[in-house]
Amino acid sequence: MKRVIGLTRPNEGASFPWRRHDDPTAETFTAWSIFPRDTSYFNPSQAPFMINYQVEDLDALLEALRAEGVTVDPICLDYRSGGQSD
């Protein structure tokens, strides 16, 4: 894995820190992880993978998705507030 994409700990994943273009004082990161094919991490979803996005207004986005008929997982993680919310 290290030779191909430069990651030295693929079983644990990796974090890539970066700074926001509109606010260089705000540091954030992108996480990259590989899960085993038989993981239960995504349950109850049957999806084989997950993509996480950073958004400015999570509540507004979730409201818009629900209005379009998208099923939204009730577990919501908001790392700016340091915890989990509904």
N, C-alpha and C. Protein backbone atom coordinates (compact mmCIF):
# COMPACT_ATOMS: atom_id res chain seq x y z
N MET A 1 0.83 -1.19 0.00
CA MET A 1 0.00 0.00 0.00
C MET A 1 0.87 1.26 0.00
N LYS A 2 1.93 1.26 0.79
CA LYS A 2 2.79 2.44 0.85
C LYS A 2 3.42 2.73 -0.51
N ARG A 3 3.88 1.69 -1.19
CA ARG A 3 4.55 1.87 -2.47
C ARG A 3 3.58 2.42 -3.52
N VAL A 4 2.31 2.01 -3.46
CA VAL A 4 1.36 2.39 -4.50
C VAL A 4 0.74 3.77 -4.25
N ILE A 5 0.22 4.00 -3.03
CA ILE A 5 -0.46 5.28 -2.77
C ILE A 5 0.13 6.05 -1.59
N GLY A 6 1.19 5.56 -1.00
CA GLY A 6 1.89 6.32 0.03
C GLY A 6 1.34 6.21 1.43
N LEU A 7 0.38 5.31 1.68
CA LEU A 7 -0.16 5.15 3.02
C LEU A 7 0.60 4.05 3.74
N THR A 8 1.05 4.36 4.96
CA THR A 8 1.83 3.38 5.70
C THR A 8 1.00 2.53 6.64
N ARG A 9 -0.23 2.98 6.97
CA ARG A 9 -1.07 2.23 7.90
C ARG A 9 -2.47 2.01 7.31
N PRO A 10 -2.59 1.23 6.24
CA PRO A 10 -3.89 1.10 5.58
C PRO A 10 -4.95 0.43 6.44
N ASN A 11 -4.57 -0.39 7.41
CA ASN A 11 -5.58 -1.04 8.25
C ASN A 11 -6.22 -0.07 9.22
N GLU A 12 -5.55 1.01 9.54
CA GLU A 12 -6.08 2.00 10.46
C GLU A 12 -6.66 3.21 9.74
N GLY A 13 -6.37 3.35 8.47
CA GLY A 13 -6.81 4.51 7.73
C GLY A 13 -5.80 5.63 7.83
N ALA A 14 -6.15 6.77 7.30
CA ALA A 14 -5.25 7.91 7.31
C ALA A 14 -6.06 9.20 7.33
N SER A 15 -5.47 10.23 7.87
CA SER A 15 -6.09 11.56 7.89
C SER A 15 -5.19 12.52 7.13
N PHE A 16 -5.80 13.36 6.32
CA PHE A 16 -5.07 14.33 5.53
C PHE A 16 -5.51 15.73 5.94
N PRO A 17 -4.70 16.45 6.73
CA PRO A 17 -5.09 17.79 7.16
C PRO A 17 -4.98 18.79 6.01
N TRP A 18 -5.86 19.78 6.02
CA TRP A 18 -5.83 20.85 5.05
C TRP A 18 -6.51 22.07 5.65
N ARG A 19 -6.33 23.20 5.00
CA ARG A 19 -6.93 24.46 5.48
C ARG A 19 -7.96 24.95 4.47
N ARG A 20 -8.97 25.57 4.98
CA ARG A 20 -10.04 26.09 4.13
C ARG A 20 -9.53 27.26 3.29
N HIS A 21 -9.93 27.31 2.04
CA HIS A 21 -9.53 28.39 1.14
C HIS A 21 -10.06 29.74 1.63
N ASP A 22 -11.33 29.75 2.10
CA ASP A 22 -11.94 31.01 2.52
C ASP A 22 -11.56 31.43 3.94
N ASP A 23 -10.90 30.53 4.69
CA ASP A 23 -10.46 30.85 6.05
C ASP A 23 -9.23 30.00 6.37
N PRO A 24 -8.05 30.43 5.95
CA PRO A 24 -6.83 29.64 6.14
C PRO A 24 -6.49 29.34 7.59
N THR A 25 -7.13 30.02 8.55
CA THR A 25 -6.88 29.71 9.96
C THR A 25 -7.66 28.48 10.40
N ALA A 26 -8.65 28.06 9.62
CA ALA A 26 -9.49 26.92 9.97
C ALA A 26 -8.91 25.64 9.36
N GLU A 27 -8.36 24.80 10.22
CA GLU A 27 -7.82 23.54 9.74
C GLU A 27 -8.90 22.46 9.83
N THR A 28 -8.95 21.62 8.84
CA THR A 28 -9.88 20.49 8.82
C THR A 28 -9.12 19.29 8.26
N PHE A 29 -9.80 18.19 8.04
CA PHE A 29 -9.10 17.04 7.50
C PHE A 29 -10.04 16.17 6.69
N THR A 30 -9.44 15.38 5.84
CA THR A 30 -10.16 14.35 5.09
C THR A 30 -9.68 13.01 5.63
N ALA A 31 -10.62 12.13 5.96
CA ALA A 31 -10.28 10.80 6.47
C ALA A 31 -10.45 9.78 5.35
N TRP A 32 -9.57 8.81 5.33
CA TRP A 32 -9.60 7.75 4.33
C TRP A 32 -9.45 6.43 5.05
N SER A 33 -10.39 5.52 4.86
CA SER A 33 -10.34 4.23 5.55
C SER A 33 -10.82 3.12 4.63
N ILE A 34 -10.27 1.94 4.83
CA ILE A 34 -10.72 0.74 4.14
C ILE A 34 -11.37 -0.16 5.19
N PHE A 35 -12.56 -0.67 4.87
CA PHE A 35 -13.26 -1.57 5.77
C PHE A 35 -13.27 -2.97 5.16
N PRO A 36 -13.27 -3.99 6.00
CA PRO A 36 -13.38 -5.35 5.46
C PRO A 36 -14.70 -5.54 4.71
N ARG A 37 -14.71 -6.43 3.74
CA ARG A 37 -15.90 -6.68 2.94
C ARG A 37 -17.09 -7.10 3.82
N ASP A 38 -16.83 -7.81 4.91
CA ASP A 38 -17.92 -8.31 5.76
C ASP A 38 -18.21 -7.41 6.96
N THR A 39 -17.82 -6.14 6.90
CA THR A 39 -18.03 -5.22 8.03
C THR A 39 -19.53 -5.02 8.31
N SER A 40 -19.84 -4.79 9.56
CA SER A 40 -21.21 -4.42 9.94
C SER A 40 -21.28 -2.92 10.25
N TYR A 41 -20.20 -2.20 9.99
CA TYR A 41 -20.11 -0.78 10.32
C TYR A 41 -21.22 0.05 9.68
N PHE A 42 -21.62 -0.30 8.46
CA PHE A 42 -22.60 0.49 7.73
C PHE A 42 -24.05 0.08 8.03
N ASN A 43 -24.25 -0.96 8.81
CA ASN A 43 -25.61 -1.41 9.12
C ASN A 43 -26.43 -0.31 9.74
N PRO A 44 -27.69 -0.19 9.43
CA PRO A 44 -28.51 -1.16 8.70
C PRO A 44 -28.46 -1.00 7.18
N SER A 45 -27.66 -0.08 6.69
CA SER A 45 -27.55 0.11 5.25
C SER A 45 -26.93 -1.13 4.59
N GLN A 46 -27.33 -1.38 3.36
CA GLN A 46 -26.74 -2.45 2.58
C GLN A 46 -25.63 -1.93 1.66
N ALA A 47 -25.34 -0.64 1.75
CA ALA A 47 -24.31 -0.03 0.90
C ALA A 47 -22.94 -0.59 1.24
N PRO A 48 -22.09 -0.80 0.24
CA PRO A 48 -20.76 -1.33 0.50
C PRO A 48 -19.71 -0.26 0.83
N PHE A 49 -20.11 1.00 0.80
CA PHE A 49 -19.15 2.07 1.09
C PHE A 49 -19.90 3.30 1.59
N MET A 50 -19.14 4.28 2.06
CA MET A 50 -19.71 5.52 2.57
C MET A 50 -18.82 6.67 2.14
N ILE A 51 -19.42 7.79 1.78
CA ILE A 51 -18.68 9.01 1.48
C ILE A 51 -19.17 10.07 2.45
N ASN A 52 -18.25 10.74 3.09
CA ASN A 52 -18.58 11.82 4.02
C ASN A 52 -18.24 13.15 3.37
N TYR A 53 -19.13 14.11 3.54
CA TYR A 53 -18.90 15.45 3.01
C TYR A 53 -18.90 16.45 4.15
N GLN A 54 -18.20 17.54 3.96
CA GLN A 54 -18.26 18.66 4.88
C GLN A 54 -19.16 19.71 4.25
N VAL A 55 -20.14 20.19 5.01
CA VAL A 55 -21.09 21.17 4.49
C VAL A 55 -21.20 22.34 5.46
N GLU A 56 -21.62 23.47 4.94
CA GLU A 56 -21.75 24.68 5.77
C GLU A 56 -22.96 24.62 6.70
N ASP A 57 -24.09 24.09 6.23
CA ASP A 57 -25.31 24.07 7.03
C ASP A 57 -25.92 22.68 6.95
N LEU A 58 -25.50 21.81 7.86
CA LEU A 58 -25.93 20.42 7.85
C LEU A 58 -27.44 20.29 8.01
N ASP A 59 -28.03 21.05 8.93
CA ASP A 59 -29.48 20.96 9.15
C ASP A 59 -30.26 21.30 7.88
N ALA A 60 -29.86 22.34 7.19
CA ALA A 60 -30.55 22.74 5.95
C ALA A 60 -30.40 21.67 4.87
N LEU A 61 -29.21 21.10 4.76
CA LEU A 61 -28.99 20.05 3.76
C LEU A 61 -29.85 18.83 4.07
N LEU A 62 -29.88 18.40 5.32
CA LEU A 62 -30.70 17.24 5.69
C LEU A 62 -32.17 17.50 5.43
N GLU A 63 -32.64 18.70 5.72
CA GLU A 63 -34.03 19.08 5.46
C GLU A 63 -34.33 19.00 3.96
N ALA A 64 -33.43 19.52 3.14
CA ALA A 64 -33.62 19.49 1.68
C ALA A 64 -33.62 18.05 1.16
N LEU A 65 -32.74 17.21 1.68
CA LEU A 65 -32.70 15.81 1.26
C LEU A 65 -34.00 15.10 1.62
N ARG A 66 -34.46 15.30 2.84
CA ARG A 66 -35.73 14.68 3.26
C ARG A 66 -36.89 15.17 2.40
N ALA A 67 -36.90 16.46 2.06
CA ALA A 67 -37.96 17.01 1.21
C ALA A 67 -37.97 16.37 -0.17
N GLU A 68 -36.83 15.87 -0.62
CA GLU A 68 -36.73 15.19 -1.91
C GLU A 68 -36.99 13.70 -1.80
N GLY A 69 -37.33 13.23 -0.58
CA GLY A 69 -37.65 11.83 -0.40
C GLY A 69 -36.46 10.94 -0.08
N VAL A 70 -35.32 11.53 0.22
CA VAL A 70 -34.13 10.75 0.54
C VAL A 70 -34.23 10.26 1.98
N THR A 71 -33.93 8.98 2.19
CA THR A 71 -33.89 8.43 3.53
C THR A 71 -32.58 8.86 4.18
N VAL A 72 -32.68 9.55 5.31
CA VAL A 72 -31.52 10.07 6.00
C VAL A 72 -31.32 9.27 7.28
N ASP A 73 -30.11 8.78 7.49
CA ASP A 73 -29.78 8.04 8.71
C ASP A 73 -30.04 8.94 9.91
N PRO A 74 -30.72 8.45 10.93
CA PRO A 74 -31.01 9.30 12.09
C PRO A 74 -29.77 9.64 12.92
N ILE A 75 -28.68 8.90 12.75
CA ILE A 75 -27.46 9.21 13.48
C ILE A 75 -26.70 10.29 12.70
N CYS A 76 -26.43 11.38 13.36
CA CYS A 76 -25.79 12.52 12.70
C CYS A 76 -24.59 12.96 13.54
N LEU A 77 -23.42 12.97 12.93
CA LEU A 77 -22.23 13.40 13.65
C LEU A 77 -21.85 14.80 13.21
N ASP A 78 -21.70 15.68 14.16
CA ASP A 78 -21.30 17.05 13.90
C ASP A 78 -20.03 17.31 14.68
N TYR A 79 -18.89 17.26 14.00
CA TYR A 79 -17.61 17.38 14.68
C TYR A 79 -17.30 18.79 15.14
N ARG A 80 -17.99 19.79 14.61
CA ARG A 80 -17.76 21.15 15.10
C ARG A 80 -18.27 21.30 16.50
N SER A 81 -19.38 20.63 16.82
CA SER A 81 -19.93 20.73 18.16
C SER A 81 -19.30 19.71 19.10
N GLY A 82 -18.46 18.82 18.52
CA GLY A 82 -17.76 17.84 19.32
C GLY A 82 -18.57 16.65 19.73
N GLY A 83 -19.69 16.40 19.04
CA GLY A 83 -20.48 15.27 19.46
C GLY A 83 -21.49 14.81 18.44
N GLN A 84 -22.45 14.07 18.95
CA GLN A 84 -23.48 13.46 18.11
C GLN A 84 -24.79 14.17 18.38
N SER A 85 -25.57 14.38 17.33
CA SER A 85 -26.87 15.01 17.49
C SER A 85 -27.89 14.24 16.70
N ASP A 86 -29.17 14.56 16.89
CA ASP A 86 -30.25 13.89 16.16
C ASP A 86 -30.68 14.70 14.96
